[in-house]
């Protein structure tokens, strides 16, 4: 029998550097309420959001992803020639073909490396971190650049009370690579397709094209079909989160070999401040443990929210590089992914 070679495996991996990009335009609750039937106070009370960032001018998903990736590479100190894989976690890239990661890799001067998109909604960064760590452990790549980037507002209906007040745009990235001590636990992940319709596009691509074709040749007075928009049943998602996520967090701690008393920072997906407070309470984390609250001025940025929140905590001193943190992303799918990690060093080049 022919002997087939195997990759040299690496046991210990960690996040070596972090970078982020926040769009220039800051949108307040007051501005949102110029179109949306709500009040700034009600939005903050229900979601924890005061402001969010929206792309403007020449900012695109491609440009903000590349900007965050560049900062992560610089902050890691790793030569980009050693990075063999780029994972772009996103649900808002506008085309299925071509996908986004190869374009972003080209923009970063890494044309030719393995590059692929990963779509798992708001849990995308957690899924991507698990895949990146396992690629390195298996020897498929020495270093991986993971970027979570979203332009949620491109498909946002500004009059929809279920989504317009919540979502924002942004990008966060980490360089993952081998380390002396392991800094990323096994990933705990799962999904619930039975409740997937709680977060979904209002039409699929085929339905949209059929409607567009129907419009051709009709009376100009006929109302346009508009654009595909994201719809969310907030109460249904909240109920799912209240039942599913505490179990996921407990399992993440169990498989990591870390006790909850060892957790120094909690960085959940920035979906809703009330959900995050509930998770901390149900898990029994100490009152003085800092919890990410980037949602207040960044909004829900889906797959970008965890790296953005992590970067904000490191830049402001709420958390420090080397601390032990519990991460959990969750959202569309409905899906979730969580890990216990060692935080990377605070960035030399912050996003704000």
Foldseek 3Di string as FASTA:
>chain_A
DDDDDFADFFDAKAFQFKFKAFAPDKAAQVNLVVQEVDHLVVLCVWFVAGIAGAHDDPDDQLVRQLRGLLLQCVQNVDDPQQAQEEEEEEDADPDVPPDRFQVSCVVNVNHPGHYDYDYDWLQRQQVVVLVQVVCRRRNVGAKYKYKYWYNQVVQADSHAPQPNSFEHGIMMITMMHGDPHHFKFHKQKDFDQVCLVQKDKPDDPVVVVVLVVVPPPDDPVDDDPDGIHIHHDVVVVLVCLLPPVLVSQVVQCVRRVHDLQQAQEEEEQSGGPVSQVSSCVSNVHDPPRYYFSCCHRHGGHRNRRRRVSLLVCQVVVVDAAQGWYKYKTADRSRMIMIIIGGHHGHGPDHND
